[in-house]
Amino acid sequence: MRWPWTRRRSAHRLLLRRVGHGPQHAFVLTDGASGEQPARLLRWGLLAEPAPIAAGEAIALLDPGDYQILRVDAPNVPPDELKAAARWQIKELVDVDIAELTLDVMHVGGDTERPHTTAPRHLFVVAARSRAIQSLTGSAAAVTSQIGVVDVWETALRNLLSAQARADDLATRACAAVLIDEGHCLLVVCAGDELYYTRRLDGDHKLLARARNGTDEASPAELPLGFEYQPGGDFDASEESPLVVELQRSIDVWERSWPELPLARLYVATARHGTEIATLIQRELGLRTLALDPLAAFAPGAPAPEGDAARALAACLPLLGAALRAETRQL
């Protein structure tokens, strides 16, 4: 029971990530709504100086440079022994002492068994530098003392993609999303809310210029809804964006690995000019590509971001995905 004089735990959820090497943090605060009602964004943006933010739950997001995601064969051990077994499997795959890493694991495609396939199961192993986790949680202490979960960009992007796929009636189909910002380019493929594939790509500093010099071809919104990926396009690499080339290679790998799950759509998550970039990618790949609105998964009426609007959206994009986290286990 709850005594009437005890403080009620706040239902608010706080998401934090450090921006750069200084004291600045990007943050997202939601009302923590669950069930059929979408969460409301209460505050979000950039904190120029650390300042306490009250919340009942806080999640910190690691920088991609502080961890790796490795794909390995799933060992034949009980679930509670997976992490220990994975530690031995990746020992030769990392460039630091395994004792300096904190590990977590999740099955490729989720924990549900697939009885109609004989393919071996695989694990994603998240190998994070323990020192980086300590640094992140230490820097966040000036904002909150409630850090209970440390999350990663791949699962955050999965959450955004899955929410958009459900909204577009594609929840059971394989869909991809590519997150593009000044320092990162990350691709994920999901189906049924589960992560199946992820890859980090090299960015293309000329991508926006290429996109804004596009032709007058039909925009993604004008193409029929059934328009999907058609493999086999020939590209001139001398004119092609290197990012588009790598996306094509990733799609080819996906098709060979998961022929029963053809890609239905690709979404572009970026802070600026998402529609133009999506149009360029669609024209070059022949895969239906749309810009992803990271605020669409939340209740209408989101407040304006704090700090510079363009920088705030770029910094908060992965946090908005982490805010949709639904796992009950502690990662």
Protein backbone atom coordinates (compact mmCIF):
# COMPACT_ATOMS: atom_id res chain seq x y z
CA MET A 1 0.00 0.00 0.00
CA ARG A 2 1.00 3.63 -0.37
CA TRP A 3 1.05 5.78 2.75
CA PRO A 4 -0.72 9.13 2.19
CA TRP A 5 2.35 11.14 3.20
CA THR A 6 4.76 9.40 0.81
CA ARG A 7 5.64 11.14 -2.44
CA ARG A 8 4.00 9.67 -5.53
CA ARG A 9 6.53 8.53 -8.13
CA SER A 10 6.46 10.71 -11.22
CA ALA A 11 5.24 9.06 -14.42
CA HIS A 12 7.43 11.34 -16.53
CA ARG A 13 10.18 9.79 -18.65
CA LEU A 14 13.42 11.68 -19.29
CA LEU A 15 15.81 10.89 -22.15
CA LEU A 16 19.34 12.33 -22.18
CA ARG A 17 22.39 12.32 -24.38
CA ARG A 18 25.57 14.34 -24.16
CA VAL A 19 26.26 16.62 -27.12
CA GLY A 20 29.94 16.99 -27.90
CA HIS A 21 32.55 16.86 -25.14
CA GLY A 22 31.25 19.77 -23.06
CA PRO A 23 28.47 20.04 -20.50
CA GLN A 24 25.65 20.42 -23.03
CA HIS A 25 22.94 17.77 -23.13
CA ALA A 26 20.06 17.09 -25.48
CA PHE A 27 16.93 15.99 -23.64
CA VAL A 28 13.37 14.81 -24.17
CA LEU A 29 10.75 14.75 -21.40
CA THR A 30 7.46 12.88 -21.96
CA ASP A 31 4.48 12.12 -19.76
CA GLY A 32 5.30 8.42 -19.95
CA ALA A 33 1.85 7.50 -21.29
CA SER A 34 1.34 3.84 -22.12
CA GLY A 35 -1.31 1.70 -23.78
CA GLU A 36 -3.21 3.00 -26.79
CA GLN A 37 -2.66 6.68 -26.02
CA PRO A 38 0.56 8.16 -27.44
CA ALA A 39 2.96 9.84 -25.04
CA ARG A 40 2.95 13.62 -24.89
CA LEU A 41 6.11 15.62 -25.35
CA LEU A 42 6.37 17.97 -22.37
CA ARG A 43 9.78 19.52 -23.04
CA TRP A 44 12.64 18.82 -25.42
CA GLY A 45 15.69 20.45 -26.88
CA LEU A 46 19.15 21.49 -25.71
CA LEU A 47 20.31 22.32 -22.20
CA ALA A 48 23.09 24.89 -22.43
CA GLU A 49 23.95 24.23 -18.78
CA PRO A 50 23.05 21.16 -16.70
CA ALA A 51 19.89 21.79 -14.70
CA PRO A 52 17.76 19.30 -12.72
CA ILE A 53 14.71 17.88 -14.50
CA ALA A 54 12.22 15.91 -12.42
CA ALA A 55 11.20 12.51 -13.81
CA GLY A 56 10.32 9.09 -12.46
CA GLU A 57 12.38 7.27 -15.07
CA ALA A 58 15.47 8.36 -16.98
CA ILE A 59 17.21 6.78 -19.96
CA ALA A 60 20.65 7.82 -21.17
CA LEU A 61 21.70 7.30 -24.78
CA LEU A 62 25.26 6.24 -25.56
CA ASP A 63 27.15 7.85 -28.42
CA PRO A 64 27.70 5.35 -31.29
CA GLY A 65 31.45 5.80 -30.94
CA ASP A 66 31.29 4.25 -27.46
CA TYR A 67 29.87 0.87 -28.45
CA GLN A 68 29.71 -1.74 -31.18
CA ILE A 69 26.89 -4.02 -32.27
CA LEU A 70 28.16 -7.44 -33.34
CA ARG A 71 26.15 -10.24 -34.91
CA VAL A 72 27.07 -13.75 -33.77
CA ASP A 73 25.56 -17.23 -33.79
CA ALA A 74 23.20 -17.75 -30.89
CA PRO A 75 24.82 -20.19 -28.45
CA ASN A 76 22.80 -23.16 -27.28
CA VAL A 77 22.56 -22.09 -23.65
CA PRO A 78 19.74 -21.04 -21.29
CA PRO A 79 18.61 -17.41 -21.63
CA ASP A 80 20.26 -16.38 -18.36
CA GLU A 81 23.63 -17.58 -19.69
CA LEU A 82 23.52 -15.76 -23.05
CA LYS A 83 25.60 -12.78 -21.95
CA ALA A 84 28.34 -14.96 -20.50
CA ALA A 85 28.45 -17.10 -23.63
CA ALA A 86 28.43 -14.03 -25.89
CA ARG A 87 31.40 -12.59 -23.99
CA TRP A 88 33.53 -15.52 -25.12
CA GLN A 89 32.20 -15.36 -28.70
CA ILE A 90 33.18 -11.72 -29.26
CA LYS A 91 36.50 -11.88 -27.46
CA GLU A 92 38.43 -11.94 -30.75
CA LEU A 93 36.12 -9.46 -32.49
CA VAL A 94 36.79 -6.38 -30.36
CA ASP A 95 39.92 -4.26 -30.17
CA VAL A 96 39.89 -3.70 -26.40
CA ASP A 97 40.20 -5.93 -23.37
CA ILE A 98 36.89 -7.74 -22.94
CA ALA A 99 37.01 -6.88 -19.24
CA GLU A 100 36.60 -3.21 -20.18
CA LEU A 101 33.26 -3.83 -21.89
CA THR A 102 29.68 -4.03 -20.68
CA LEU A 103 27.58 -6.40 -22.79
CA ASP A 104 23.95 -6.86 -23.60
CA VAL A 105 22.34 -9.27 -26.08
CA MET A 106 19.14 -9.57 -28.07
CA HIS A 107 18.03 -12.09 -30.64
CA VAL A 108 18.04 -11.03 -34.27
CA GLY A 109 14.36 -10.75 -35.13
CA GLY A 110 13.29 -10.93 -31.49
CA ASP A 111 12.92 -13.73 -28.99
CA THR A 112 10.03 -15.53 -30.74
CA GLU A 113 10.96 -18.86 -32.26
CA ARG A 114 10.26 -19.25 -36.00
CA PRO A 115 9.20 -22.90 -36.47
CA HIS A 116 9.12 -22.80 -40.28
CA THR A 117 12.80 -22.06 -40.80
CA THR A 118 15.87 -24.20 -40.28
CA ALA A 119 18.29 -21.27 -40.43
CA PRO A 120 20.48 -20.87 -37.33
CA ARG A 121 19.50 -18.15 -34.89
CA HIS A 122 21.74 -15.15 -34.29
CA LEU A 123 22.33 -12.60 -31.58
CA PHE A 124 23.05 -8.92 -31.62
CA VAL A 125 25.71 -8.27 -28.98
CA VAL A 126 26.01 -4.68 -27.81
CA ALA A 127 29.55 -4.20 -26.53
CA ALA A 128 29.90 -0.84 -24.79
CA ARG A 129 32.92 0.66 -23.10
CA SER A 130 32.22 0.57 -19.38
CA ARG A 131 34.18 3.79 -18.91
CA ALA A 132 31.93 5.54 -21.44
CA ILE A 133 28.82 4.41 -19.58
CA GLN A 134 30.26 5.72 -16.33
CA SER A 135 31.16 9.02 -17.98
CA LEU A 136 27.69 9.38 -19.47
CA THR A 137 25.83 8.64 -16.26
CA GLY A 138 28.24 10.85 -14.33
CA SER A 139 27.65 13.82 -16.62
CA ALA A 140 23.90 13.25 -16.41
CA ALA A 141 23.95 13.37 -12.61
CA ALA A 142 23.59 17.17 -12.68
CA VAL A 143 20.30 16.71 -14.57
CA THR A 144 18.86 13.60 -12.93
CA SER A 145 19.80 10.87 -10.48
CA GLN A 146 17.25 8.45 -11.95
CA ILE A 147 19.27 6.90 -14.81
CA GLY A 148 18.07 3.30 -14.86
CA VAL A 149 18.66 2.32 -18.48
CA VAL A 150 21.41 3.02 -20.99
CA ASP A 151 20.12 2.65 -24.54
CA VAL A 152 21.68 2.70 -28.02
CA TRP A 153 20.84 4.38 -31.32
CA GLU A 154 19.94 1.21 -33.20
CA THR A 155 17.07 0.32 -30.88
CA ALA A 156 15.98 3.96 -30.72
CA LEU A 157 15.75 4.09 -34.53
CA ARG A 158 13.96 0.74 -34.50
CA ASN A 159 11.30 2.29 -32.25
CA LEU A 160 10.75 5.24 -34.61
CA LEU A 161 10.60 2.93 -37.62
CA SER A 162 8.19 0.50 -35.98
CA ALA A 163 5.85 3.30 -34.93
CA GLN A 164 5.81 4.70 -38.48
CA ALA A 165 5.31 1.25 -40.02
CA ARG A 166 2.30 0.63 -37.76
CA ALA A 167 0.83 4.00 -38.73
CA ASP A 168 1.26 3.08 -42.42
CA ASP A 169 -0.28 -0.41 -41.99
CA LEU A 170 3.09 -2.05 -42.65
CA ALA A 171 3.68 -3.51 -39.19
CA THR A 172 4.13 -7.08 -40.47
CA ARG A 173 6.23 -6.07 -43.47
CA ALA A 174 9.97 -5.50 -43.54
CA CYS A 175 10.76 -1.78 -43.56
CA ALA A 176 14.04 0.10 -43.30
CA ALA A 177 15.05 3.46 -41.90
CA VAL A 178 18.24 5.45 -42.34
CA LEU A 179 19.14 8.13 -39.82
CA ILE A 180 21.38 10.86 -41.21
CA ASP A 181 23.02 13.67 -39.28
CA GLU A 182 26.32 15.50 -39.42
CA GLY A 183 28.24 12.79 -37.59
CA HIS A 184 26.29 9.57 -38.12
CA CYS A 185 24.58 7.52 -40.77
CA LEU A 186 22.76 4.48 -39.45
CA LEU A 187 20.57 1.92 -41.23
CA VAL A 188 18.15 -0.51 -39.59
CA VAL A 189 15.67 -3.03 -40.98
CA CYS A 190 12.73 -4.14 -38.85
CA ALA A 191 9.62 -6.29 -39.12
CA GLY A 192 6.95 -6.85 -36.51
CA ASP A 193 8.59 -4.30 -34.17
CA GLU A 194 11.79 -6.37 -34.10
CA LEU A 195 15.30 -5.48 -35.27
CA TYR A 196 16.66 -7.78 -37.97
CA TYR A 197 19.55 -5.88 -39.54
CA THR A 198 21.68 -2.85 -38.78
CA ARG A 199 24.67 -1.24 -40.40
CA ARG A 200 26.62 1.97 -39.95
CA LEU A 201 27.32 3.75 -43.23
CA ASP A 202 29.74 6.44 -44.26
CA GLY A 203 28.04 9.78 -44.72
CA ASP A 204 27.91 11.83 -47.90
CA HIS A 205 28.63 15.53 -47.37
CA LYS A 206 27.31 16.25 -50.88
CA LEU A 207 24.02 14.41 -50.34
CA LEU A 208 21.90 17.48 -49.75
CA ALA A 209 23.38 19.29 -52.74
CA ARG A 210 22.62 16.26 -54.91
CA ALA A 211 19.08 16.09 -53.53
CA ARG A 212 18.31 19.76 -54.09
CA ASN A 213 19.54 19.60 -57.68
CA GLY A 214 17.09 16.81 -58.45
CA THR A 215 14.84 16.49 -61.48
CA ASP A 216 11.14 17.22 -61.78
CA GLU A 217 10.20 13.59 -61.40
CA ALA A 218 7.23 12.64 -59.27
CA SER A 219 7.67 13.08 -55.54
CA PRO A 220 7.19 10.10 -53.18
CA ALA A 221 3.70 11.35 -52.28
CA GLU A 222 2.66 11.20 -55.96
CA LEU A 223 3.71 7.61 -56.55
CA PRO A 224 1.19 4.77 -56.13
CA LEU A 225 1.08 3.14 -52.73
CA GLY A 226 2.00 -0.25 -54.15
CA PHE A 227 5.32 0.99 -55.54
CA GLU A 228 8.02 -1.13 -53.96
CA TYR A 229 11.64 -2.10 -54.45
CA GLN A 230 12.55 -3.63 -57.81
CA PRO A 231 16.06 -5.12 -57.74
CA GLY A 232 18.61 -4.98 -60.46
CA GLY A 233 19.06 -1.27 -61.17
CA ASP A 234 22.35 -0.24 -62.82
CA PHE A 235 24.00 2.88 -61.40
CA ASP A 236 26.83 5.07 -62.60
CA ALA A 237 29.12 5.14 -59.57
CA SER A 238 30.85 8.28 -60.84
CA GLU A 239 27.58 10.21 -60.44
CA GLU A 240 26.06 8.23 -57.62
CA SER A 241 26.06 9.29 -54.01
CA PRO A 242 28.36 6.93 -52.07
CA LEU A 243 25.64 6.70 -49.45
CA VAL A 244 23.12 5.53 -52.05
CA VAL A 245 25.64 2.94 -53.29
CA GLU A 246 26.03 1.59 -49.75
CA LEU A 247 22.27 1.54 -49.26
CA GLN A 248 21.96 -0.51 -52.45
CA ARG A 249 24.58 -2.96 -51.19
CA SER A 250 22.77 -3.27 -47.87
CA ILE A 251 19.48 -3.94 -49.64
CA ASP A 252 21.17 -6.65 -51.72
CA VAL A 253 22.52 -8.26 -48.54
CA TRP A 254 19.07 -8.08 -46.98
CA GLU A 255 17.40 -9.73 -49.97
CA ARG A 256 19.88 -12.59 -49.97
CA SER A 257 19.61 -13.09 -46.22
CA TRP A 258 15.83 -12.69 -45.79
CA PRO A 259 14.17 -13.50 -49.15
CA GLU A 260 10.87 -14.16 -47.38
CA LEU A 261 10.77 -10.55 -46.13
CA PRO A 262 11.08 -8.19 -49.12
CA LEU A 263 11.50 -4.55 -48.20
CA ALA A 264 8.24 -2.62 -48.43
CA ARG A 265 9.58 0.86 -47.69
CA LEU A 266 12.56 2.95 -46.67
CA TYR A 267 12.22 5.95 -44.35
CA VAL A 268 14.71 8.80 -44.00
CA ALA A 269 15.12 10.30 -40.53
CA THR A 270 16.98 13.59 -40.70
CA ALA A 271 16.55 17.05 -39.21
CA ARG A 272 16.56 19.02 -42.46
CA HIS A 273 15.38 18.51 -46.03
CA GLY A 274 14.16 14.97 -45.43
CA THR A 275 11.70 15.07 -48.33
CA GLU A 276 14.35 16.09 -50.85
CA ILE A 277 16.77 13.43 -49.65
CA ALA A 278 14.04 10.77 -49.69
CA THR A 279 13.12 11.73 -53.25
CA LEU A 280 16.76 11.39 -54.36
CA ILE A 281 17.14 7.98 -52.71
CA GLN A 282 13.87 6.73 -54.15
CA ARG A 283 14.83 7.85 -57.65
CA GLU A 284 18.19 6.06 -57.46
CA LEU A 285 17.15 2.88 -55.66
CA GLY A 286 13.64 2.28 -56.98
CA LEU A 287 12.50 1.65 -53.41
CA ARG A 288 9.54 3.60 -52.06
CA THR A 289 11.22 6.13 -49.77
CA LEU A 290 9.59 8.70 -47.49
CA ALA A 291 10.78 11.22 -44.94
CA LEU A 292 10.06 10.10 -41.37
CA ASP A 293 8.54 12.66 -39.00
CA PRO A 294 10.03 11.82 -35.57
CA LEU A 295 7.28 13.78 -33.77
CA ALA A 296 4.44 11.86 -35.43
CA ALA A 297 4.55 9.04 -32.86
CA PHE A 298 3.69 11.47 -30.05
CA ALA A 299 0.44 13.19 -29.17
CA PRO A 300 -0.36 16.36 -31.16
CA GLY A 301 0.56 19.75 -29.79
CA ALA A 302 4.25 19.20 -29.03
CA PRO A 303 5.95 22.32 -27.66
CA ALA A 304 8.69 24.09 -29.57
CA PRO A 305 12.19 22.81 -28.79
CA GLU A 306 14.38 24.64 -26.33
CA GLY A 307 17.52 26.12 -27.86
CA ASP A 308 18.22 26.49 -31.57
CA ALA A 309 15.39 24.63 -33.34
CA ALA A 310 17.43 23.00 -36.14
CA ARG A 311 20.24 21.89 -33.82
CA ALA A 312 17.74 20.70 -31.22
CA LEU A 313 15.89 18.45 -33.66
CA ALA A 314 19.13 16.95 -34.95
CA ALA A 315 20.37 16.29 -31.42
CA CYS A 316 17.04 14.92 -30.19
CA LEU A 317 16.20 12.62 -33.12
CA PRO A 318 17.59 9.45 -31.50
CA LEU A 319 16.18 10.49 -28.12
CA LEU A 320 12.68 10.67 -29.58
CA GLY A 321 13.09 7.06 -30.62
CA ALA A 322 14.41 6.05 -27.21
CA ALA A 323 11.36 7.75 -25.66
CA LEU A 324 9.20 5.10 -27.38
CA ARG A 325 11.07 2.28 -25.66
CA ALA A 326 8.70 -0.49 -24.57
CA GLU A 327 11.09 -3.20 -23.28
CA THR A 328 10.48 -4.25 -19.73
CA ARG A 329 13.88 -5.84 -19.23
CA GLN A 330 16.74 -3.67 -18.01
CA LEU A 331 19.34 -3.36 -20.76
